[in-house]
Amino acid sequence: MDWAFVNRNWEKWACNSVGSDGQPLKAALLINYDPTGPSRLLSTIAEEEGIEADPIEVGEFVNFVKRANYQTETFFIHSNQYVVTSIHENWFSGRCMNTSKPAGEGAILYKTPSFLFLALYDGSIGAASRAMAAVDRFVWQLERRNL
């Protein structure tokens, strides 16, 4: 694993995609993930921006991904509960069920061979499109190196 490559690309990508007003994402989380590894191998938080992830919560989220019952279960990020709305080969998207924001909140989860990449955004259809474009830019860098 080329950690220097991952970190360098994360830092460059995050400063242009996450956080302040006008950025497509409000938060992003990169989690080490090996679905073929032994169950005692815990997933860890590799990078985070705009969110302080709780390791226990991350473990529950990883278990949700491993179970792959996307159509019958929901998942939590902090106090927000999400329902999966769209499922694709390497990614899925979800909408927050208990948001107080009028335009709503969404999440995109992208699975690469080595990582789970979770992106959170505020808004509806237009915001979701901008968020997915931001996710694609970072994932393309990882997939170039088969990460």
Protein backbone atom coordinates (compact mmCIF):
# COMPACT_ATOMS: atom_id res chain seq x y z
CA MET A 1 0.00 0.00 0.00
CA ASP A 2 1.41 3.36 -1.01
CA TRP A 3 0.29 5.48 1.97
CA ALA A 4 2.24 8.51 0.80
CA PHE A 5 0.33 8.44 -2.51
CA VAL A 6 -3.04 8.08 -0.75
CA ASN A 7 -2.30 10.86 1.73
CA ARG A 8 -0.93 13.26 -0.88
CA ASN A 9 -3.92 12.77 -3.17
CA TRP A 10 -6.39 12.98 -0.28
CA GLU A 11 -4.94 16.31 0.89
CA LYS A 12 -4.99 17.78 -2.61
CA TRP A 13 -8.49 16.50 -3.33
CA ALA A 14 -10.02 17.38 0.07
CA CYS A 15 -8.96 21.03 0.03
CA ASN A 16 -10.83 21.49 -3.27
CA SER A 17 -13.87 19.31 -2.56
CA VAL A 18 -14.77 19.23 1.14
CA GLY A 19 -15.84 21.68 3.76
CA SER A 20 -16.35 25.34 3.06
CA ASP A 21 -19.28 26.94 1.27
CA GLY A 22 -19.28 26.27 -2.41
CA GLN A 23 -17.60 22.88 -2.07
CA PRO A 24 -19.62 19.86 -3.25
CA LEU A 25 -19.13 17.84 -0.03
CA LYS A 26 -19.62 18.68 3.63
CA ALA A 27 -17.55 15.71 4.82
CA ALA A 28 -15.58 12.71 3.55
CA LEU A 29 -14.20 9.60 5.18
CA LEU A 30 -11.73 7.04 3.82
CA ILE A 31 -11.78 3.67 5.59
CA ASN A 32 -9.30 0.81 5.12
CA TYR A 33 -11.33 -2.16 3.97
CA ASP A 34 -10.49 -5.74 3.00
CA PRO A 35 -13.64 -7.81 2.49
CA THR A 36 -11.53 -10.95 1.97
CA GLY A 37 -9.47 -10.48 5.14
CA PRO A 38 -10.08 -12.33 8.40
CA SER A 39 -12.91 -11.01 10.57
CA ARG A 40 -10.44 -10.11 13.32
CA LEU A 41 -8.84 -7.59 10.94
CA LEU A 42 -10.55 -4.33 11.85
CA SER A 43 -11.16 -1.56 9.38
CA THR A 44 -9.52 1.71 10.39
CA ILE A 45 -10.05 5.32 9.49
CA ALA A 46 -7.38 6.23 6.94
CA GLU A 47 -8.41 9.85 6.28
CA GLU A 48 -11.24 12.15 7.32
CA GLU A 49 -12.27 15.67 6.46
CA GLY A 50 -15.20 17.66 7.81
CA ILE A 51 -16.18 14.88 10.21
CA GLU A 52 -14.81 13.36 13.38
CA ALA A 53 -15.63 9.72 12.92
CA ASP A 54 -16.20 7.49 15.92
CA PRO A 55 -14.30 4.18 15.47
CA ILE A 56 -17.22 2.19 16.92
CA GLU A 57 -19.65 3.87 14.55
CA VAL A 58 -17.27 3.21 11.65
CA GLY A 59 -17.16 -0.47 12.65
CA GLU A 60 -20.96 -0.63 12.60
CA PHE A 61 -21.00 1.05 9.19
CA VAL A 62 -18.42 -1.42 7.82
CA ASN A 63 -20.58 -4.29 9.12
CA PHE A 64 -23.56 -2.76 7.30
CA VAL A 65 -21.51 -2.75 4.08
CA LYS A 66 -20.36 -6.35 4.63
CA ARG A 67 -23.93 -7.57 5.21
CA ALA A 68 -24.97 -5.90 1.93
CA ASN A 69 -28.65 -5.76 2.89
CA TYR A 70 -28.91 -2.33 1.35
CA GLN A 71 -32.60 -2.59 0.46
CA THR A 72 -33.79 -3.73 3.88
CA GLU A 73 -31.50 -1.96 6.36
CA THR A 74 -30.53 1.62 7.15
CA PHE A 75 -27.19 2.98 8.35
CA PHE A 76 -26.14 5.73 10.73
CA ILE A 77 -23.51 8.44 10.46
CA HIS A 78 -23.42 10.33 13.75
CA SER A 79 -27.07 10.88 14.66
CA ASN A 80 -28.30 10.78 11.06
CA GLN A 81 -30.08 7.70 9.75
CA TYR A 82 -29.77 7.00 6.02
CA VAL A 83 -31.77 4.81 3.67
CA VAL A 84 -30.10 3.52 0.51
CA THR A 85 -31.78 4.97 -2.58
CA SER A 86 -29.59 3.78 -5.45
CA ILE A 87 -27.35 0.71 -5.73
CA HIS A 88 -24.65 0.20 -8.36
CA GLU A 89 -21.78 -2.25 -8.82
CA ASN A 90 -19.14 -0.37 -6.79
CA TRP A 91 -21.17 2.31 -5.06
CA PHE A 92 -24.48 3.24 -3.53
CA SER A 93 -26.15 6.44 -2.47
CA GLY A 94 -28.50 7.22 0.36
CA ARG A 95 -30.70 9.97 1.74
CA CYS A 96 -30.94 11.09 5.34
CA MET A 97 -34.26 10.17 6.93
CA ASN A 98 -34.12 12.50 9.94
CA THR A 99 -32.61 15.71 8.59
CA SER A 100 -33.85 19.13 9.59
CA LYS A 101 -32.49 20.71 6.41
CA PRO A 102 -35.18 21.64 3.86
CA ALA A 103 -33.17 20.41 0.85
CA GLY A 104 -32.12 17.24 2.65
CA GLU A 105 -28.81 15.48 3.09
CA GLY A 106 -27.21 12.63 1.20
CA ALA A 107 -24.39 10.11 1.32
CA ILE A 108 -22.37 8.31 -1.34
CA LEU A 109 -20.38 5.18 -0.52
CA TYR A 110 -17.82 3.97 -3.06
CA LYS A 111 -16.01 0.64 -2.62
CA THR A 112 -12.52 0.19 -4.06
CA PRO A 113 -10.34 -2.93 -3.59
CA SER A 114 -8.71 -1.41 -0.47
CA PHE A 115 -11.05 1.29 0.79
CA LEU A 116 -14.56 2.37 1.58
CA PHE A 117 -14.97 6.01 0.63
CA LEU A 118 -17.92 7.80 2.24
CA ALA A 119 -18.91 11.28 1.09
CA LEU A 120 -21.64 13.39 2.71
CA TYR A 121 -23.40 16.36 1.11
CA ASP A 122 -26.27 18.76 1.70
CA GLY A 123 -28.99 19.23 -0.88
CA SER A 124 -30.96 17.35 -3.48
CA ILE A 125 -30.46 16.34 -7.13
CA GLY A 126 -28.01 19.05 -8.24
CA ALA A 127 -25.96 18.68 -5.06
CA ALA A 128 -25.91 14.90 -5.51
CA SER A 129 -24.53 15.28 -9.03
CA ARG A 130 -21.76 17.62 -7.85
CA ALA A 131 -20.98 15.28 -4.95
CA MET A 132 -20.71 12.26 -7.27
CA ALA A 133 -18.37 14.18 -9.58
CA ALA A 134 -16.14 14.99 -6.58
CA VAL A 135 -16.17 11.34 -5.49
CA ASP A 136 -15.28 10.21 -9.01
CA ARG A 137 -12.24 12.52 -9.11
CA PHE A 138 -10.74 10.99 -5.97
CA VAL A 139 -11.71 7.38 -6.71
CA TRP A 140 -10.14 7.66 -10.17
CA GLN A 141 -6.80 8.41 -8.47
CA LEU A 142 -7.14 5.35 -6.22
CA GLU A 143 -8.22 3.01 -9.00
CA ARG A 144 -5.30 4.09 -11.18
CA ARG A 145 -3.10 2.38 -8.56
CA ASN A 146 -5.57 -0.47 -7.96
CA LEU A 147 -6.17 0.75 -4.40
